[in-house]
Amino acid sequence: MIKVFPLKSIFFSLTMSFLDSRDDLVYDELQKSDTEKKPLPRDEDLPGMGQYYCLHCDRYFANSTVRDEHFKTKRHKKRLKQMSGPAPHTQLDAELAAGMGMPDNGPALMSM
C-alpha cells in the first residue's frame, strides 16, 4: 500500500527546515550592538534591491509595505520569541552530543 502525504504537510516541512538553517548566524547578528551593524548594501539580485530586510526571519522583501505586513504575521512573531530566548544549538553542541567532542579520559593514573 502506498502512503499518500498531504501536500500541506510536505510544504510545511520543507519551508520550516529551510527557515531554521541559519539560526545561529541570525542570533549572532542580533547580539551585535547598533554601532557594529552596517547599512544594507544595494544588490540587484535581491528583492527590493536588498533594502527591505527582516533580520529575525532572514528574509528580503520587495518594498516596505510587504515587509511591514510581514511584521504582523504569526511566523514573524514566533521567530521574534525564538530569537529572544537562549542561543540556538551550534555545530560544537552537536558534536559533543554525538560523542565527537574533546575526549574526557578521566583522571591521570599513577605510573609505576
PDB file of N, CA and C in Angstrom:
ATOM      1  N   MET A   1       0.833  -1.173   0.000  1.00  0.00           N
ATOM      2  CA  MET A   1       0.000   0.000   0.000  1.00  0.00           C
ATOM      3  C   MET A   1       0.881   1.240   0.000  1.00  0.00           C
ATOM      4  N   ILE A   2       0.566   2.183  -0.840  1.00  0.00           N
ATOM      5  CA  ILE A   2       1.327   3.422  -0.955  1.00  0.00           C
ATOM      6  C   ILE A   2       0.730   4.443  -0.008  1.00  0.00           C
ATOM      7  N   LYS A   3       1.627   5.040   0.789  1.00  0.00           N
ATOM      8  CA  LYS A   3       1.165   6.054   1.734  1.00  0.00           C
ATOM      9  C   LYS A   3       1.198   7.420   1.050  1.00  0.00           C
ATOM     10  N   VAL A   4       0.101   8.128   1.096  1.00  0.00           N
ATOM     11  CA  VAL A   4      -0.012   9.435   0.452  1.00  0.00           C
ATOM     12  C   VAL A   4       0.059  10.512   1.529  1.00  0.00           C
ATOM     13  N   PHE A   5       0.987  11.453   1.336  1.00  0.00           N
ATOM     14  CA  PHE A   5       1.131  12.560   2.269  1.00  0.00           C
ATOM     15  C   PHE A   5       0.391  13.767   1.719  1.00  0.00           C
ATOM     16  N   PRO A   6      -0.317  14.477   2.563  1.00  0.00           N
ATOM     17  CA  PRO A   6      -0.971  15.692   2.076  1.00  0.00           C
ATOM     18  C   PRO A   6       0.068  16.727   1.660  1.00  0.00           C
ATOM     19  N   LEU A   7      -0.243  17.452   0.641  1.00  0.00           N
ATOM     20  CA  LEU A   7       0.673  18.450   0.102  1.00  0.00           C
ATOM     21  C   LEU A   7       1.028  19.496   1.140  1.00  0.00           C
ATOM     22  N   LYS A   8       0.092  19.841   2.012  1.00  0.00           N
ATOM     23  CA  LYS A   8       0.323  20.863   3.023  1.00  0.00           C
ATOM     24  C   LYS A   8       1.429  20.437   3.997  1.00  0.00           C
ATOM     25  N   SER A   9       1.458  19.172   4.405  1.00  0.00           N
ATOM     26  CA  SER A   9       2.479  18.728   5.360  1.00  0.00           C
ATOM     27  C   SER A   9       3.854  18.704   4.713  1.00  0.00           C
ATOM     28  N   ILE A  10       3.929  18.333   3.434  1.00  0.00           N
ATOM     29  CA  ILE A  10       5.220  18.329   2.745  1.00  0.00           C
ATOM     30  C   ILE A  10       5.727  19.754   2.602  1.00  0.00           C
ATOM     31  N   PHE A  11       4.860  20.669   2.196  1.00  0.00           N
ATOM     32  CA  PHE A  11       5.248  22.066   2.047  1.00  0.00           C
ATOM     33  C   PHE A  11       5.709  22.654   3.378  1.00  0.00           C
ATOM     34  N   PHE A  12       4.974  22.348   4.458  1.00  0.00           N
ATOM     35  CA  PHE A  12       5.317  22.878   5.781  1.00  0.00           C
ATOM     36  C   PHE A  12       6.675  22.369   6.229  1.00  0.00           C
ATOM     37  N   SER A  13       6.956  21.091   6.025  1.00  0.00           N
ATOM     38  CA  SER A  13       8.234  20.543   6.473  1.00  0.00           C
ATOM     39  C   SER A  13       9.392  21.116   5.670  1.00  0.00           C
ATOM     40  N   LEU A  14       9.187  21.349   4.373  1.00  0.00           N
ATOM     41  CA  LEU A  14      10.252  21.924   3.562  1.00  0.00           C
ATOM     42  C   LEU A  14      10.530  23.369   3.937  1.00  0.00           C
ATOM     43  N   THR A  15       9.481  24.167   4.160  1.00  0.00           N
ATOM     44  CA  THR A  15       9.699  25.571   4.484  1.00  0.00           C
ATOM     45  C   THR A  15      10.271  25.738   5.875  1.00  0.00           C
ATOM     46  N   MET A  16       9.849  24.943   6.825  1.00  0.00           N
ATOM     47  CA  MET A  16      10.356  25.098   8.189  1.00  0.00           C
ATOM     48  C   MET A  16      11.808  24.662   8.279  1.00  0.00           C
ATOM     49  N   SER A  17      12.213  23.621   7.560  1.00  0.00           N
ATOM     50  CA  SER A  17      13.610  23.214   7.600  1.00  0.00           C
ATOM     51  C   SER A  17      14.479  24.257   6.919  1.00  0.00           C
ATOM     52  N   PHE A  18      13.951  24.922   5.883  1.00  0.00           N
ATOM     53  CA  PHE A  18      14.700  25.958   5.202  1.00  0.00           C
ATOM     54  C   PHE A  18      14.869  27.188   6.094  1.00  0.00           C
ATOM     55  N   LEU A  19      13.839  27.547   6.837  1.00  0.00           N
ATOM     56  CA  LEU A  19      13.914  28.749   7.661  1.00  0.00           C
ATOM     57  C   LEU A  19      14.863  28.592   8.843  1.00  0.00           C
ATOM     58  N   ASP A  20      15.016  27.395   9.354  1.00  0.00           N
ATOM     59  CA  ASP A  20      15.818  27.196  10.545  1.00  0.00           C
ATOM     60  C   ASP A  20      17.275  26.880  10.268  1.00  0.00           C
ATOM     61  N   SER A  21      17.717  26.987   9.020  1.00  0.00           N
ATOM     62  CA  SER A  21      19.064  26.558   8.691  1.00  0.00           C
ATOM     63  C   SER A  21      20.133  27.550   9.140  1.00  0.00           C
ATOM     64  N   ARG A  22      19.791  28.797   9.382  1.00  0.00           N
ATOM     65  CA  ARG A  22      20.792  29.801   9.741  1.00  0.00           C
ATOM     66  C   ARG A  22      20.516  30.444  11.093  1.00  0.00           C
ATOM     67  N   ASP A  23      19.918  29.718  11.992  1.00  0.00           N
ATOM     68  CA  ASP A  23      19.546  30.283  13.284  1.00  0.00           C
ATOM     69  C   ASP A  23      20.741  30.844  14.043  1.00  0.00           C
ATOM     70  N   ASP A  24      21.851  30.132  14.053  1.00  0.00           N
ATOM     71  CA  ASP A  24      22.999  30.590  14.824  1.00  0.00           C
ATOM     72  C   ASP A  24      23.584  31.881  14.257  1.00  0.00           C
ATOM     73  N   LEU A  25      23.597  32.041  12.936  1.00  0.00           N
ATOM     74  CA  LEU A  25      24.119  33.268  12.339  1.00  0.00           C
ATOM     75  C   LEU A  25      23.200  34.456  12.607  1.00  0.00           C
ATOM     76  N   VAL A  26      21.899  34.223  12.527  1.00  0.00           N
ATOM     77  CA  VAL A  26      20.931  35.287  12.811  1.00  0.00           C
ATOM     78  C   VAL A  26      21.028  35.701  14.269  1.00  0.00           C
ATOM     79  N   TYR A  27      21.157  34.734  15.162  1.00  0.00           N
ATOM     80  CA  TYR A  27      21.269  35.038  16.586  1.00  0.00           C
ATOM     81  C   TYR A  27      22.522  35.875  16.865  1.00  0.00           C
ATOM     82  N   ASP A  28      23.642  35.544  16.218  1.00  0.00           N
ATOM     83  CA  ASP A  28      24.865  36.324  16.389  1.00  0.00           C
ATOM     84  C   ASP A  28      24.694  37.749  15.884  1.00  0.00           C
ATOM     85  N   GLU A  29      24.004  37.927  14.762  1.00  0.00           N
ATOM     86  CA  GLU A  29      23.754  39.274  14.235  1.00  0.00           C
ATOM     87  C   GLU A  29      22.897  40.092  15.193  1.00  0.00           C
ATOM     88  N   LEU A  30      21.920  39.452  15.820  1.00  0.00           N
ATOM     89  CA  LEU A  30      21.047  40.168  16.750  1.00  0.00           C
ATOM     90  C   LEU A  30      21.787  40.584  18.014  1.00  0.00           C
ATOM     91  N   GLN A  31      22.837  39.861  18.375  1.00  0.00           N
ATOM     92  CA  GLN A  31      23.577  40.179  19.587  1.00  0.00           C
ATOM     93  C   GLN A  31      24.550  41.343  19.399  1.00  0.00           C
ATOM     94  N   LYS A  32      24.824  41.730  18.160  1.00  0.00           N
ATOM     95  CA  LYS A  32      25.731  42.845  17.898  1.00  0.00           C
ATOM     96  C   LYS A  32      25.097  44.155  18.348  1.00  0.00           C
ATOM     97  N   SER A  33      25.937  45.092  18.756  1.00  0.00           N
ATOM     98  CA  SER A  33      25.427  46.406  19.154  1.00  0.00           C
ATOM     99  C   SER A  33      25.082  47.222  17.905  1.00  0.00           C
ATOM    100  N   ASP A  34      24.381  48.317  18.089  1.00  0.00           N
ATOM    101  CA  ASP A  34      23.943  49.143  16.960  1.00  0.00           C
ATOM    102  C   ASP A  34      25.118  49.762  16.217  1.00  0.00           C
ATOM    103  N   THR A  35      26.226  50.006  16.901  1.00  0.00           N
ATOM    104  CA  THR A  35      27.375  50.614  16.242  1.00  0.00           C
ATOM    105  C   THR A  35      28.080  49.629  15.315  1.00  0.00           C
ATOM    106  N   GLU A  36      27.967  48.331  15.582  1.00  0.00           N
ATOM    107  CA  GLU A  36      28.617  47.326  14.743  1.00  0.00           C
ATOM    108  C   GLU A  36      27.812  46.992  13.499  1.00  0.00           C
ATOM    109  N   LYS A  37      26.509  47.324  13.482  1.00  0.00           N
ATOM    110  CA  LYS A  37      25.668  46.995  12.339  1.00  0.00           C
ATOM    111  C   LYS A  37      25.921  47.983  11.206  1.00  0.00           C
ATOM    112  N   LYS A  38      25.999  47.453   9.993  1.00  0.00           N
ATOM    113  CA  LYS A  38      26.262  48.271   8.817  1.00  0.00           C
ATOM    114  C   LYS A  38      24.965  48.463   8.030  1.00  0.00           C
ATOM    115  N   PRO A  39      24.849  49.563   7.279  1.00  0.00           N
ATOM    116  CA  PRO A  39      23.658  49.726   6.431  1.00  0.00           C
ATOM    117  C   PRO A  39      23.653  48.661   5.333  1.00  0.00           C
ATOM    118  N   LEU A  40      22.462  48.329   4.848  1.00  0.00           N
ATOM    119  CA  LEU A  40      22.339  47.294   3.838  1.00  0.00           C
ATOM    120  C   LEU A  40      22.866  47.783   2.492  1.00  0.00           C
ATOM    121  N   PRO A  41      23.747  47.019   1.850  1.00  0.00           N
ATOM    122  CA  PRO A  41      24.226  47.426   0.523  1.00  0.00           C
ATOM    123  C   PRO A  41      23.161  47.151  -0.529  1.00  0.00           C
ATOM    124  N   ARG A  42      23.204  47.904  -1.627  1.00  0.00           N
ATOM    125  CA  ARG A  42      22.257  47.674  -2.725  1.00  0.00           C
ATOM    126  C   ARG A  42      22.715  46.453  -3.524  1.00  0.00           C
ATOM    127  N   ASP A  43      21.770  45.538  -3.766  1.00  0.00           N
ATOM    128  CA  ASP A  43      22.056  44.328  -4.518  1.00  0.00           C
ATOM    129  C   ASP A  43      20.924  44.095  -5.514  1.00  0.00           C
ATOM    130  N   GLU A  44      21.228  44.116  -6.802  1.00  0.00           N
ATOM    131  CA  GLU A  44      20.201  43.989  -7.836  1.00  0.00           C
ATOM    132  C   GLU A  44      19.571  42.600  -7.853  1.00  0.00           C
ATOM    133  N   ASP A  45      20.250  41.601  -7.331  1.00  0.00           N
ATOM    134  CA  ASP A  45      19.735  40.233  -7.377  1.00  0.00           C
ATOM    135  C   ASP A  45      18.703  39.948  -6.293  1.00  0.00           C
ATOM    136  N   LEU A  46      18.627  40.773  -5.272  1.00  0.00           N
ATOM    137  CA  LEU A  46      17.690  40.552  -4.171  1.00  0.00           C
ATOM    138  C   LEU A  46      16.406  41.350  -4.386  1.00  0.00           C
ATOM    139  N   PRO A  47      15.288  40.886  -3.824  1.00  0.00           N
ATOM    140  CA  PRO A  47      14.044  41.662  -3.939  1.00  0.00           C
ATOM    141  C   PRO A  47      14.183  43.032  -3.282  1.00  0.00           C
ATOM    142  N   GLY A  48      13.656  44.052  -3.939  1.00  0.00           N
ATOM    143  CA  GLY A  48      13.712  45.409  -3.397  1.00  0.00           C
ATOM    144  C   GLY A  48      15.119  45.947  -3.298  1.00  0.00           C
ATOM    145  N   MET A  49      15.998  45.483  -4.173  1.00  0.00           N
ATOM    146  CA  MET A  49      17.412  45.895  -4.188  1.00  0.00           C
ATOM    147  C   MET A  49      18.109  45.600  -2.857  1.00  0.00           C
ATOM    148  N   GLY A  50      17.563  44.708  -2.070  1.00  0.00           N
ATOM    149  CA  GLY A  50      18.185  44.314  -0.812  1.00  0.00           C
ATOM    150  C   GLY A  50      18.013  45.317   0.316  1.00  0.00           C
ATOM    151  N   GLN A  51      17.086  46.262   0.174  1.00  0.00           N
ATOM    152  CA  GLN A  51      16.928  47.322   1.167  1.00  0.00           C
ATOM    153  C   GLN A  51      15.862  47.026   2.215  1.00  0.00           C
ATOM    154  N   TYR A  52      14.972  46.078   1.958  1.00  0.00           N
ATOM    155  CA  TYR A  52      13.877  45.767   2.881  1.00  0.00           C
ATOM    156  C   TYR A  52      14.110  44.357   3.426  1.00  0.00           C
ATOM    157  N   TYR A  53      14.663  44.285   4.623  1.00  0.00           N
ATOM    158  CA  TYR A  53      15.163  43.027   5.182  1.00  0.00           C
ATOM    159  C   TYR A  53      14.613  42.818   6.585  1.00  0.00           C
ATOM    160  N   CYS A  54      14.224  41.594   6.883  1.00  0.00           N
ATOM    161  CA  CYS A  54      13.828  41.223   8.241  1.00  0.00           C
ATOM    162  C   CYS A  54      14.966  40.404   8.823  1.00  0.00           C
ATOM    163  N   LEU A  55      15.657  40.944   9.794  1.00  0.00           N
ATOM    164  CA  LEU A  55      16.813  40.281  10.367  1.00  0.00           C
ATOM    165  C   LEU A  55      16.427  39.024  11.126  1.00  0.00           C
ATOM    166  N   HIS A  56      15.308  39.052  11.822  1.00  0.00           N
ATOM    167  CA  HIS A  56      14.911  37.894  12.622  1.00  0.00           C
ATOM    168  C   HIS A  56      14.585  36.687  11.751  1.00  0.00           C
ATOM    169  N   CYS A  57      13.919  36.925  10.621  1.00  0.00           N
ATOM    170  CA  CYS A  57      13.498  35.826   9.739  1.00  0.00           C
ATOM    171  C   CYS A  57      14.486  35.582   8.607  1.00  0.00           C
ATOM    172  N   ASP A  58      15.458  36.466   8.440  1.00  0.00           N
ATOM    173  CA  ASP A  58      16.473  36.356   7.400  1.00  0.00           C
ATOM    174  C   ASP A  58      15.813  36.324   6.020  1.00  0.00           C
ATOM    175  N   ARG A  59      14.948  37.318   5.766  1.00  0.00           N
ATOM    176  CA  ARG A  59      14.215  37.400   4.506  1.00  0.00           C
ATOM    177  C   ARG A  59      14.272  38.816   3.953  1.00  0.00           C
ATOM    178  N   TYR A  60      14.310  38.892   2.612  1.00  0.00           N
ATOM    179  CA  TYR A  60      14.235  40.174   1.910  1.00  0.00           C
ATOM    180  C   TYR A  60      12.843  40.345   1.328  1.00  0.00           C
ATOM    181  N   PHE A  61      12.406  41.610   1.215  1.00  0.00           N
ATOM    182  CA  PHE A  61      11.078  41.905   0.699  1.00  0.00           C
ATOM    183  C   PHE A  61      11.164  42.929  -0.419  1.00  0.00           C
ATOM    184  N   ALA A  62      10.127  42.959  -1.264  1.00  0.00           N
ATOM    185  CA  ALA A  62      10.115  43.821  -2.442  1.00  0.00           C
ATOM    186  C   ALA A  62       9.964  45.298  -2.082  1.00  0.00           C
ATOM    187  N   ASN A  63       9.181  45.608  -1.044  1.00  0.00           N
ATOM    188  CA  ASN A  63       9.008  47.007  -0.642  1.00  0.00           C
ATOM    189  C   ASN A  63       8.671  47.063   0.846  1.00  0.00           C
ATOM    190  N   SER A  64       8.559  48.267   1.347  1.00  0.00           N
ATOM    191  CA  SER A  64       8.362  48.436   2.790  1.00  0.00           C
ATOM    192  C   SER A  64       6.969  47.995   3.243  1.00  0.00           C
ATOM    193  N   THR A  65       5.954  48.111   2.385  1.00  0.00           N
ATOM    194  CA  THR A  65       4.613  47.703   2.813  1.00  0.00           C
ATOM    195  C   THR A  65       4.529  46.193   2.989  1.00  0.00           C
ATOM    196  N   VAL A  66       5.182  45.451   2.110  1.00  0.00           N
ATOM    197  CA  VAL A  66       5.196  43.988   2.245  1.00  0.00           C
ATOM    198  C   VAL A  66       5.953  43.586   3.511  1.00  0.00           C
ATOM    199  N   ARG A  67       7.061  44.286   3.757  1.00  0.00           N
ATOM    200  CA  ARG A  67       7.842  43.995   4.965  1.00  0.00           C
ATOM    201  C   ARG A  67       7.033  44.320   6.219  1.00  0.00           C
ATOM    202  N   ASP A  68       6.328  45.437   6.216  1.00  0.00           N
ATOM    203  CA  ASP A  68       5.524  45.808   7.379  1.00  0.00           C
ATOM    204  C   ASP A  68       4.380  44.828   7.604  1.00  0.00           C
ATOM    205  N   GLU A  69       3.792  44.303   6.530  1.00  0.00           N
ATOM    206  CA  GLU A  69       2.765  43.269   6.673  1.00  0.00           C
ATOM    207  C   GLU A  69       3.372  41.995   7.251  1.00  0.00           C
ATOM    208  N   HIS A  70       4.595  41.696   6.857  1.00  0.00           N
ATOM    209  CA  HIS A  70       5.281  40.514   7.394  1.00  0.00           C
ATOM    210  C   HIS A  70       5.487  40.643   8.905  1.00  0.00           C
ATOM    211  N   PHE A  71       5.766  41.852   9.372  1.00  0.00           N
ATOM    212  CA  PHE A  71       5.991  42.062  10.811  1.00  0.00           C
ATOM    213  C   PHE A  71       4.752  41.714  11.637  1.00  0.00           C
ATOM    214  N   LYS A  72       3.578  41.697  11.016  1.00  0.00           N
ATOM    215  CA  LYS A  72       2.336  41.402  11.727  1.00  0.00           C
ATOM    216  C   LYS A  72       1.972  39.917  11.708  1.00  0.00           C
ATOM    217  N   THR A  73       2.707  39.098  10.969  1.00  0.00           N
ATOM    218  CA  THR A  73       2.340  37.694  10.812  1.00  0.00           C
ATOM    219  C   THR A  73       2.715  36.857  12.026  1.00  0.00           C
ATOM    220  N   LYS A  74       2.066  35.718  12.129  1.00  0.00           N
ATOM    221  CA  LYS A  74       2.321  34.790  13.228  1.00  0.00           C
ATOM    222  C   LYS A  74       3.732  34.201  13.128  1.00  0.00           C
ATOM    223  N   ARG A  75       4.167  33.922  11.905  1.00  0.00           N
ATOM    224  CA  ARG A  75       5.509  33.347  11.717  1.00  0.00           C
ATOM    225  C   ARG A  75       6.592  34.292  12.234  1.00  0.00           C
ATOM    226  N   HIS A  76       6.457  35.600  11.946  1.00  0.00           N
ATOM    227  CA  HIS A  76       7.443  36.571  12.404  1.00  0.00           C
ATOM    228  C   HIS A  76       7.425  36.694  13.923  1.00  0.00           C
ATOM    229  N   LYS A  77       6.236  36.730  14.503  1.00  0.00           N
ATOM    230  CA  LYS A  77       6.144  36.855  15.966  1.00  0.00           C
ATOM    231  C   LYS A  77       6.722  35.633  16.657  1.00  0.00           C
ATOM    232  N   LYS A  78       6.513  34.454  16.083  1.00  0.00           N
ATOM    233  CA  LYS A  78       7.087  33.229  16.643  1.00  0.00           C
ATOM    234  C   LYS A  78       8.611  33.267  16.551  1.00  0.00           C
ATOM    235  N   ARG A  79       9.110  33.800  15.441  1.00  0.00           N
ATOM    236  CA  ARG A  79      10.560  33.898  15.241  1.00  0.00           C
ATOM    237  C   ARG A  79      11.169  34.909  16.212  1.00  0.00           C
ATOM    238  N   LEU A  80      10.476  36.025  16.483  1.00  0.00           N
ATOM    239  CA  LEU A  80      10.953  37.000  17.468  1.00  0.00           C
ATOM    240  C   LEU A  80      11.101  36.340  18.833  1.00  0.00           C
ATOM    241  N   LYS A  81      10.109  35.568  19.221  1.00  0.00           N
ATOM    242  CA  LYS A  81      10.137  34.894  20.510  1.00  0.00           C
ATOM    243  C   LYS A  81      11.268  33.868  20.560  1.00  0.00           C
ATOM    244  N   GLN A  82      11.480  33.148  19.465  1.00  0.00           N
ATOM    245  CA  GLN A  82      12.529  32.143  19.410  1.00  0.00           C
ATOM    246  C   GLN A  82      13.912  32.785  19.507  1.00  0.00           C
ATOM    247  N   MET A  83      14.110  33.901  18.819  1.00  0.00           N
ATOM    248  CA  MET A  83      15.424  34.551  18.806  1.00  0.00           C
ATOM    249  C   MET A  83      15.698  35.342  20.085  1.00  0.00           C
ATOM    250  N   SER A  84      14.687  35.665  20.868  1.00  0.00           N
ATOM    251  CA  SER A  84      14.925  36.384  22.117  1.00  0.00           C
ATOM    252  C   SER A  84      15.240  35.421  23.260  1.00  0.00           C
ATOM    253  N   GLY A  85      15.099  34.142  23.027  1.00  0.00           N
ATOM    254  CA  GLY A  85      15.366  33.131  24.049  1.00  0.00           C
ATOM    255  C   GLY A  85      16.836  32.759  24.096  1.00  0.00           C
ATOM    256  N   PRO A  86      17.135  31.555  24.560  1.00  0.00           N
ATOM    257  CA  PRO A  86      18.537  31.115  24.645  1.00  0.00           C
ATOM    258  C   PRO A  86      19.137  30.921  23.255  1.00  0.00           C
ATOM    259  N   ALA A  87      20.451  30.887  23.199  1.00  0.00           N
ATOM    260  CA  ALA A  87      21.153  30.730  21.931  1.00  0.00           C
ATOM    261  C   ALA A  87      20.815  29.387  21.295  1.00  0.00           C
ATOM    262  N   PRO A  88      20.659  29.368  19.958  1.00  0.00           N
ATOM    263  CA  PRO A  88      20.377  28.094  19.285  1.00  0.00           C
ATOM    264  C   PRO A  88      21.602  27.187  19.322  1.00  0.00           C
ATOM    265  N   HIS A  89      21.390  25.935  19.003  1.00  0.00           N
ATOM    266  CA  HIS A  89      22.485  24.978  19.035  1.00  0.00           C
ATOM    267  C   HIS A  89      23.500  25.286  17.946  1.00  0.00           C
ATOM    268  N   THR A  90      24.753  24.996  18.237  1.00  0.00           N
ATOM    269  CA  THR A  90      25.824  25.213  17.276  1.00  0.00           C
ATOM    270  C   THR A  90      26.400  23.870  16.860  1.00  0.00           C
ATOM    271  N   GLN A  91      27.355  23.902  15.953  1.00  0.00           N
ATOM    272  CA  GLN A  91      27.993  22.677  15.492  1.00  0.00           C
ATOM    273  C   GLN A  91      28.753  22.016  16.640  1.00  0.00           C
ATOM    274  N   LEU A  92      29.356  22.795  17.515  1.00  0.00           N
ATOM    275  CA  LEU A  92      30.071  22.239  18.668  1.00  0.00           C
ATOM    276  C   LEU A  92      29.116  21.480  19.587  1.00  0.00           C
ATOM    277  N   ASP A  93      27.933  22.029  19.821  1.00  0.00           N
ATOM    278  CA  ASP A  93      26.933  21.334  20.637  1.00  0.00           C
ATOM    279  C   ASP A  93      26.555  19.990  20.018  1.00  0.00           C
ATOM    280  N   ALA A  94      26.389  19.971  18.701  1.00  0.00           N
ATOM    281  CA  ALA A  94      26.006  18.740  18.019  1.00  0.00           C
ATOM    282  C   ALA A  94      27.116  17.696  18.121  1.00  0.00           C
ATOM    283  N   GLU A  95      28.352  18.130  17.979  1.00  0.00           N
ATOM    284  CA  GLU A  95      29.471  17.182  18.067  1.00  0.00           C
ATOM    285  C   GLU A  95      29.617  16.630  19.475  1.00  0.00           C
ATOM    286  N   LEU A  96      29.436  17.469  20.474  1.00  0.00           N
ATOM    287  CA  LEU A  96      29.534  16.993  21.853  1.00  0.00           C
ATOM    288  C   LEU A  96      28.413  16.011  22.180  1.00  0.00           C
ATOM    289  N   ALA A  97      27.215  16.263  21.664  1.00  0.00           N
ATOM    290  CA  ALA A  97      26.088  15.373  21.914  1.00  0.00           C
ATOM    291  C   ALA A  97      26.284  14.022  21.230  1.00  0.00           C
ATOM    292  N   ALA A  98      26.979  14.024  20.104  1.00  0.00           N
ATOM    293  CA  ALA A  98      27.213  12.789  19.366  1.00  0.00           C
ATOM    294  C   ALA A  98      28.442  12.046  19.878  1.00  0.00           C
ATOM    295  N   GLY A  99      29.131  12.613  20.859  1.00  0.00           N
ATOM    296  CA  GLY A  99      30.321  11.961  21.391  1.00  0.00           C
ATOM    297  C   GLY A  99      31.555  12.203  20.552  1.00  0.00           C
ATOM    298  N   MET A 100      31.518  13.225  19.702  1.00  0.00           N
ATOM    299  CA  MET A 100      32.648  13.505  18.828  1.00  0.00           C
ATOM    300  C   MET A 100      33.486  14.671  19.329  1.00  0.00           C
ATOM    301  N   GLY A 101      33.203  15.152  20.505  1.00  0.00           N
ATOM    302  CA  GLY A 101      33.921  16.304  21.033  1.00  0.00           C
ATOM    303  C   GLY A 101      35.259  15.909  21.615  1.00  0.00           C
ATOM    304  N   MET A 102      35.814  16.776  22.405  1.00  0.00           N
ATOM    305  CA  MET A 102      37.102  16.513  23.031  1.00  0.00           C
ATOM    306  C   MET A 102      36.961  15.332  23.990  1.00  0.00           C
ATOM    307  N   PRO A 103      37.904  14.402  23.948  1.00  0.00           N
ATOM    308  CA  PRO A 103      37.780  13.223  24.804  1.00  0.00           C
ATOM    309  C   PRO A 103      38.000  13.559  26.272  1.00  0.00           C
ATOM    310  N   ASP A 104      37.275  12.875  27.106  1.00  0.00           N
ATOM    311  CA  ASP A 104      37.452  13.001  28.543  1.00  0.00           C
ATOM    312  C   ASP A 104      37.972  11.653  29.042  1.00  0.00           C
ATOM    313  N   ASN A 105      39.256  11.583  29.281  1.00  0.00           N
ATOM    314  CA  ASN A 105      39.880  10.328  29.665  1.00  0.00           C
ATOM    315  C   ASN A 105      39.885  10.103  31.161  1.00  0.00           C
ATOM    316  N   GLY A 106      39.297  10.982  31.910  1.00  0.00           N
ATOM    317  CA  GLY A 106      39.263  10.815  33.354  1.00  0.00           C
ATOM    318  C   GLY A 106      40.555  11.265  33.996  1.00  0.00           C
ATOM    319  N   PRO A 107      40.705  10.991  35.291  1.00  0.00           N
ATOM    320  CA  PRO A 107      41.929  11.428  35.993  1.00  0.00           C
ATOM    321  C   PRO A 107      43.137  10.609  35.523  1.00  0.00           C
ATOM    322  N   ALA A 108      44.275  11.239  35.554  1.00  0.00           N
ATOM    323  CA  ALA A 108      45.505  10.546  35.134  1.00  0.00           C
ATOM    324  C   ALA A 108      45.867   9.506  36.209  1.00  0.00           C
ATOM    325  N   LEU A 109      46.242   8.324  35.758  1.00  0.00           N
ATOM    326  CA  LEU A 109      46.615   7.253  36.678  1.00  0.00           C
ATOM    327  C   LEU A 109      48.092   7.389  37.035  1.00  0.00           C
ATOM    328  N   MET A 110      48.405   6.910  38.213  1.00  0.00           N
ATOM    329  CA  MET A 110      49.814   6.961  38.643  1.00  0.00           C
ATOM    330  C   MET A 110      50.594   5.897  37.892  1.00  0.00           C
ATOM    331  N   SER A 111      51.741   6.256  37.377  1.00  0.00           N
ATOM    332  CA  SER A 111      52.576   5.270  36.677  1.00  0.00           C
ATOM    333  C   SER A 111      53.623   4.715  37.645  1.00  0.00           C
ATOM    334  N   MET A 112      53.962   3.459  37.479  1.00  0.00           N
ATOM    335  CA  MET A 112      54.926   2.840  38.380  1.00  0.00           C
ATOM    336  C   MET A 112      56.261   2.674  37.750  1.00  0.00           C
TER     337      MET A 112
END
